[in-house]
């Protein structure tokens, strides 16, 4: 008999006043086994505090935690323009200890994408997190960091001019988010003068633009139509034959859309007053309270 079964029997012992489970007819061996189990269950029952007492004590300890673990509603930068059901907002909850242990389990030199994906599944409601665009996904991760560890994010940066090291504190809530508009996905190319409608990549599409070569090779897959033509073969041929200025316009609109959260900030160096631009990335210190 497993320990799990014994624990179950303890619960049964309490609820039924210690009555043993029914034995199979004419089975002395079963009778002896049941008797031994009931003796063990009785001993365990006498030594385990009542569940209600444990729950009451725990409720008291977690009084101030409940509100801090509540779900928070946030608006997505995409503003409902990219998802079939028109999703404009999602609900986020702060990380639990179990979530943090999962984060800390990411091996050194691993990109940790699977762990991040699982974290989003656990802490986000209202959207299929695999369908999030990279801009929405990054915004959600920053907001999760803010509600889990606090708004202040400490960064050390060396001045690009004099090398002076500065200890900086960034308020995550101060980063602005530019909302998506239809103009991001519907525009006219400068040289061919054709109106283009594009679709923006999702998180699950990142393998299609993981390098410059892949980015250029798969660009046509994110174009819905050029002019009145929606045939994928014609669109692929168009991408190969149009001008580099058209291609540069397509690349910027598809892979670097001008919406979503700021991923940089500026500060003036205390050593030389040089104005530095600091990129904010997801590194090993991002998901910490420091």
Protein backbone atom coordinates (compact mmCIF):
# COMPACT_ATOMS: atom_id res chain seq x y z
CA UNK A 1 0.00 0.00 0.00
CA UNK A 2 1.44 3.40 -0.96
CA UNK A 3 1.83 6.42 1.33
CA UNK A 4 -0.75 8.24 -0.80
CA UNK A 5 -3.24 5.49 -0.01
CA UNK A 6 -2.48 5.78 3.70
CA UNK A 7 -3.07 9.54 3.61
CA UNK A 8 -6.38 8.93 1.87
CA UNK A 9 -7.23 6.44 4.58
CA UNK A 10 -6.43 8.99 7.28
CA UNK A 11 -8.96 11.34 5.73
CA UNK A 12 -11.49 8.51 5.55
CA UNK A 13 -10.70 7.56 9.16
CA UNK A 14 -11.55 11.08 10.29
CA UNK A 15 -14.69 11.47 8.23
CA UNK A 16 -16.12 8.05 9.08
CA UNK A 17 -15.17 7.92 12.74
CA UNK A 18 -12.52 5.27 12.27
CA UNK A 19 -14.58 2.66 10.49
CA UNK A 20 -12.36 0.24 8.55
CA UNK A 21 -12.87 -0.31 4.85
CA UNK A 22 -14.93 -3.38 3.92
CA UNK A 23 -12.90 -6.56 3.45
CA UNK A 24 -13.41 -9.10 0.74
CA UNK A 25 -15.56 -12.06 1.94
CA UNK A 26 -13.58 -15.00 3.33
CA UNK A 27 -10.23 -13.25 2.86
CA UNK A 28 -8.28 -13.36 6.19
CA UNK A 29 -5.23 -11.84 4.55
CA UNK A 30 -7.27 -8.81 3.48
CA UNK A 31 -8.70 -8.52 7.02
CA UNK A 32 -5.20 -8.42 8.51
CA UNK A 33 -4.00 -5.90 5.96
CA UNK A 34 -7.01 -3.65 6.60
CA UNK A 35 -6.47 -3.84 10.35
CA UNK A 36 -2.81 -2.88 9.99
CA UNK A 37 -3.69 -0.02 7.71
CA UNK A 38 -6.33 1.26 10.12
CA UNK A 39 -3.89 1.19 13.04
CA UNK A 40 -1.39 3.21 11.01
CA UNK A 41 -4.10 5.59 9.85
CA UNK A 42 -5.27 6.13 13.44
CA UNK A 43 -1.73 6.93 14.62
CA UNK A 44 -1.20 9.32 11.71
CA UNK A 45 -4.59 10.96 12.31
CA UNK A 46 -3.73 11.63 15.93
CA UNK A 47 -0.45 13.28 14.97
CA UNK A 48 -1.60 15.43 12.02
CA UNK A 49 -3.26 18.77 12.91
CA UNK A 50 -6.79 19.26 11.67
CA UNK A 51 -6.93 20.62 8.10
CA UNK A 52 -9.17 23.48 9.22
CA UNK A 53 -6.60 24.66 11.75
CA UNK A 54 -3.85 24.60 9.12
CA UNK A 55 -6.00 26.47 6.62
CA UNK A 56 -7.00 29.06 9.21
CA UNK A 57 -3.36 29.69 10.18
CA UNK A 58 -2.34 29.94 6.54
CA UNK A 59 -5.20 32.33 5.77
CA UNK A 60 -3.93 34.63 8.51
CA UNK A 61 -0.37 34.59 7.19
CA UNK A 62 -1.48 35.34 3.62
CA UNK A 63 -3.99 38.09 4.40
CA UNK A 64 -1.93 40.81 2.72
CA UNK A 65 -0.77 38.56 -0.13
CA UNK A 66 -4.18 37.91 -1.68
CA UNK A 67 -4.58 41.37 -3.14
CA UNK A 68 -1.03 41.35 -4.44
CA UNK A 69 -1.71 38.09 -6.31
CA UNK A 70 -4.88 39.41 -7.96
CA UNK A 71 -5.21 39.43 -11.74
CA UNK A 72 -4.40 42.74 -13.47
CA UNK A 73 -6.03 43.79 -16.76
CA UNK A 74 -3.68 45.38 -19.34
CA UNK A 75 -4.29 46.73 -22.83
CA UNK A 76 -2.25 45.11 -25.62
CA UNK A 77 -0.35 47.49 -27.95
CA UNK A 78 -1.97 45.69 -30.93
CA UNK A 79 -5.39 47.03 -29.81
CA UNK A 80 -7.34 44.06 -31.18
CA UNK A 81 -6.25 44.48 -34.80
CA UNK A 82 -4.25 41.25 -35.07
CA UNK A 83 -6.29 38.53 -33.43
CA UNK A 84 -9.31 36.77 -34.92
CA UNK A 85 -11.46 37.36 -31.84
CA UNK A 86 -10.41 41.01 -31.63
CA UNK A 87 -8.60 40.61 -28.31
CA UNK A 88 -7.67 44.04 -26.95
CA UNK A 89 -6.71 43.19 -23.38
CA UNK A 90 -5.40 40.31 -21.27
CA UNK A 91 -5.24 39.48 -17.58
CA UNK A 92 -1.90 39.00 -15.83
CA UNK A 93 -1.06 37.62 -12.41
CA UNK A 94 2.25 38.01 -10.55
CA UNK A 95 4.74 35.15 -10.48
CA UNK A 96 4.45 32.58 -7.72
CA UNK A 97 7.40 30.88 -6.06
CA UNK A 98 6.79 27.92 -8.37
CA UNK A 99 7.00 30.22 -11.40
CA UNK A 100 10.26 31.73 -10.17
CA UNK A 101 11.76 28.28 -9.55
CA UNK A 102 10.91 27.42 -13.15
CA UNK A 103 12.66 30.60 -14.32
CA UNK A 104 15.75 29.87 -12.24
CA UNK A 105 15.88 26.36 -13.70
CA UNK A 106 16.88 27.70 -17.13
CA UNK A 107 20.32 26.19 -17.89
CA UNK A 108 23.27 28.48 -18.48
CA UNK A 109 23.79 29.20 -22.20
CA UNK A 110 20.18 28.23 -22.91
CA UNK A 111 17.82 30.68 -24.58
CA UNK A 112 15.08 29.57 -22.18
CA UNK A 113 12.29 30.18 -24.70
CA UNK A 114 10.35 27.10 -23.65
CA UNK A 115 10.40 28.21 -20.01
CA UNK A 116 9.30 31.72 -20.95
CA UNK A 117 6.47 30.26 -23.05
CA UNK A 118 5.34 28.11 -20.10
CA UNK A 119 5.53 31.13 -17.80
CA UNK A 120 3.27 33.10 -20.12
CA UNK A 121 0.80 30.20 -20.26
CA UNK A 122 0.65 30.19 -16.44
CA UNK A 123 0.40 33.93 -15.86
CA UNK A 124 -1.66 35.23 -18.80
CA UNK A 125 -5.37 34.80 -19.46
CA UNK A 126 -7.48 35.98 -22.38
CA UNK A 127 -5.30 35.02 -25.34
CA UNK A 128 -3.38 32.08 -26.77
CA UNK A 129 0.10 33.22 -25.74
CA UNK A 130 1.68 31.44 -28.73
CA UNK A 131 -0.37 33.72 -31.00
CA UNK A 132 1.00 36.91 -29.44
CA UNK A 133 3.03 39.13 -31.73
CA UNK A 134 6.63 39.77 -30.59
CA UNK A 135 5.69 43.36 -29.63
CA UNK A 136 2.68 42.25 -27.54
CA UNK A 137 4.73 39.44 -26.00
CA UNK A 138 7.54 41.77 -24.95
CA UNK A 139 5.04 44.24 -23.50
CA UNK A 140 3.38 41.46 -21.47
CA UNK A 141 6.75 40.25 -20.15
CA UNK A 142 7.68 43.76 -18.99
CA UNK A 143 4.33 44.20 -17.27
CA UNK A 144 4.69 40.79 -15.60
CA UNK A 145 8.12 41.81 -14.35
CA UNK A 146 6.68 45.04 -12.94
CA UNK A 147 3.75 43.49 -11.06
CA UNK A 148 5.87 40.58 -9.78
CA UNK A 149 9.08 42.26 -8.58
CA UNK A 150 8.18 45.95 -8.45
CA UNK A 151 8.31 48.83 -10.89
CA UNK A 152 11.96 49.75 -10.26
CA UNK A 153 14.45 47.96 -12.52
CA UNK A 154 18.11 48.57 -11.67
CA UNK A 155 20.61 48.70 -14.53
CA UNK A 156 24.38 49.23 -14.61
CA UNK A 157 25.64 50.99 -17.72
CA UNK A 158 29.11 52.10 -18.85
CA UNK A 159 29.21 55.43 -20.67
CA UNK A 160 29.96 55.01 -24.37
CA UNK A 161 32.11 58.15 -24.31
CA UNK A 162 34.21 57.97 -21.14
CA UNK A 163 33.50 54.50 -19.74
CA UNK A 164 32.17 55.81 -16.43
CA UNK A 165 29.88 53.20 -14.81
CA UNK A 166 26.47 54.43 -13.70
CA UNK A 167 23.91 52.73 -11.46
CA UNK A 168 20.53 53.52 -12.98
CA UNK A 169 16.95 52.84 -11.89
CA UNK A 170 14.31 52.54 -14.58
CA UNK A 171 10.62 52.79 -13.75
CA UNK A 172 8.98 50.17 -15.96
CA UNK A 173 5.67 52.03 -15.82
CA UNK A 174 7.34 55.08 -17.39
CA UNK A 175 7.98 53.23 -20.67
CA UNK A 176 5.39 54.29 -23.23
CA UNK A 177 3.59 51.93 -25.59
CA UNK A 178 2.65 53.04 -29.10
CA UNK A 179 -0.68 51.48 -30.19
CA UNK A 180 -1.00 49.66 -33.49
CA UNK A 181 -3.01 51.28 -36.29
CA UNK A 182 -4.23 50.05 -39.67
CA UNK A 183 -1.53 52.20 -41.32
CA UNK A 184 1.10 49.84 -39.95
CA UNK A 185 -0.29 47.05 -42.12
CA UNK A 186 -1.65 48.90 -45.15
CA UNK A 187 0.71 51.25 -47.01
CA UNK A 188 2.04 52.22 -50.44
CA UNK A 189 5.50 51.18 -51.62
CA UNK A 190 7.71 54.11 -52.72
CA UNK A 191 8.94 52.82 -56.10
CA UNK A 192 6.36 50.35 -57.43
CA UNK A 193 3.64 52.62 -56.01
CA UNK A 194 1.58 49.55 -55.16
CA UNK A 195 -0.60 49.38 -52.08
CA UNK A 196 0.53 46.52 -49.85
CA UNK A 197 -1.32 44.73 -47.08
CA UNK A 198 0.85 42.75 -44.69
CA UNK A 199 0.34 40.52 -41.67
CA UNK A 200 2.63 40.85 -38.68
CA UNK A 201 4.63 37.85 -37.43
CA UNK A 202 3.56 35.95 -34.32
CA UNK A 203 5.82 34.56 -31.62
CA UNK A 204 5.53 31.11 -33.19
CA UNK A 205 6.88 32.55 -36.47
CA UNK A 206 10.22 33.65 -35.02
CA UNK A 207 12.03 30.74 -36.65
CA UNK A 208 11.10 32.29 -40.02
CA UNK A 209 13.25 35.37 -39.36
CA UNK A 210 15.91 34.08 -36.99
CA UNK A 211 18.71 35.35 -39.26
CA UNK A 212 19.09 37.95 -42.01
CA UNK A 213 19.05 35.20 -44.62
CA UNK A 214 15.83 33.68 -43.23
CA UNK A 215 14.31 37.14 -42.87
CA UNK A 216 14.76 37.94 -46.55
CA UNK A 217 13.90 34.45 -47.74
CA UNK A 218 10.55 34.37 -45.93
CA UNK A 219 9.45 38.00 -46.31
CA UNK A 220 6.80 37.15 -48.91
CA UNK A 221 5.03 34.90 -46.37
CA UNK A 222 3.93 37.99 -44.44
CA UNK A 223 2.43 39.82 -47.41
CA UNK A 224 -1.32 39.36 -47.91
CA UNK A 225 -1.54 41.22 -51.20
CA UNK A 226 0.28 43.61 -53.51
CA UNK A 227 -2.13 45.86 -55.38
CA UNK A 228 -5.07 43.61 -56.22
CA UNK A 229 -2.93 40.44 -56.41
CA UNK A 230 -3.07 37.92 -53.54
CA UNK A 231 -1.48 34.93 -55.33
CA UNK A 232 1.47 33.79 -53.13
CA UNK A 233 3.58 32.79 -56.16
CA UNK A 234 3.13 36.19 -57.80
CA UNK A 235 3.89 37.96 -54.51
CA UNK A 236 7.08 35.92 -54.02
CA UNK A 237 8.20 36.82 -57.56
CA UNK A 238 7.37 40.48 -56.95
CA UNK A 239 9.59 40.53 -53.85
CA UNK A 240 12.47 39.14 -55.90
CA UNK A 241 12.12 41.71 -58.70
CA UNK A 242 11.12 45.01 -57.10
CA UNK A 243 13.59 47.68 -55.94
CA UNK A 244 15.67 47.63 -52.78
CA UNK A 245 13.79 50.70 -51.57
CA UNK A 246 10.51 48.79 -51.80
CA UNK A 247 12.14 45.86 -50.00
CA UNK A 248 13.52 48.10 -47.25
CA UNK A 249 10.03 49.53 -46.72
CA UNK A 250 8.55 46.03 -46.52
CA UNK A 251 11.25 44.85 -44.13
CA UNK A 252 10.71 47.75 -41.74
CA UNK A 253 6.93 47.39 -41.71
CA UNK A 254 6.98 43.60 -41.26
CA UNK A 255 9.88 43.03 -38.89
CA UNK A 256 10.26 46.42 -37.16
CA UNK A 257 6.73 47.79 -36.90
CA UNK A 258 6.52 51.13 -35.18
CA UNK A 259 4.24 50.04 -32.37
CA UNK A 260 4.61 48.44 -28.98
CA UNK A 261 6.62 49.35 -25.93
CA UNK A 262 9.78 51.42 -25.82
CA UNK A 263 12.80 49.18 -25.43
CA UNK A 264 15.33 51.89 -24.65
CA UNK A 265 15.86 55.02 -22.57
CA UNK A 266 18.41 57.86 -22.35
CA UNK A 267 20.51 59.24 -19.51
CA UNK A 268 23.33 61.77 -19.19
CA UNK A 269 26.64 60.46 -17.84
CA UNK A 270 27.71 61.95 -14.49
CA UNK A 271 31.33 61.73 -15.60
CA UNK A 272 31.24 63.60 -18.93
CA UNK A 273 27.58 64.59 -19.48
CA UNK A 274 27.43 62.45 -22.63
CA UNK A 275 23.88 61.41 -23.54
CA UNK A 276 23.71 57.61 -23.64
CA UNK A 277 21.04 55.40 -25.16
CA UNK A 278 20.44 52.22 -23.15
CA UNK A 279 18.71 49.22 -24.73
CA UNK A 280 16.47 47.28 -22.34
CA UNK A 281 16.72 43.57 -22.90
CA UNK A 282 15.64 40.37 -21.22
CA UNK A 283 18.77 39.22 -19.43
CA UNK A 284 19.63 37.09 -16.40
CA UNK A 285 18.83 40.01 -14.05
CA UNK A 286 15.51 41.01 -15.58
CA UNK A 287 13.34 38.65 -13.54
CA UNK A 288 14.73 39.55 -10.12
CA UNK A 289 13.77 42.02 -7.42
CA UNK A 290 17.21 43.67 -7.52
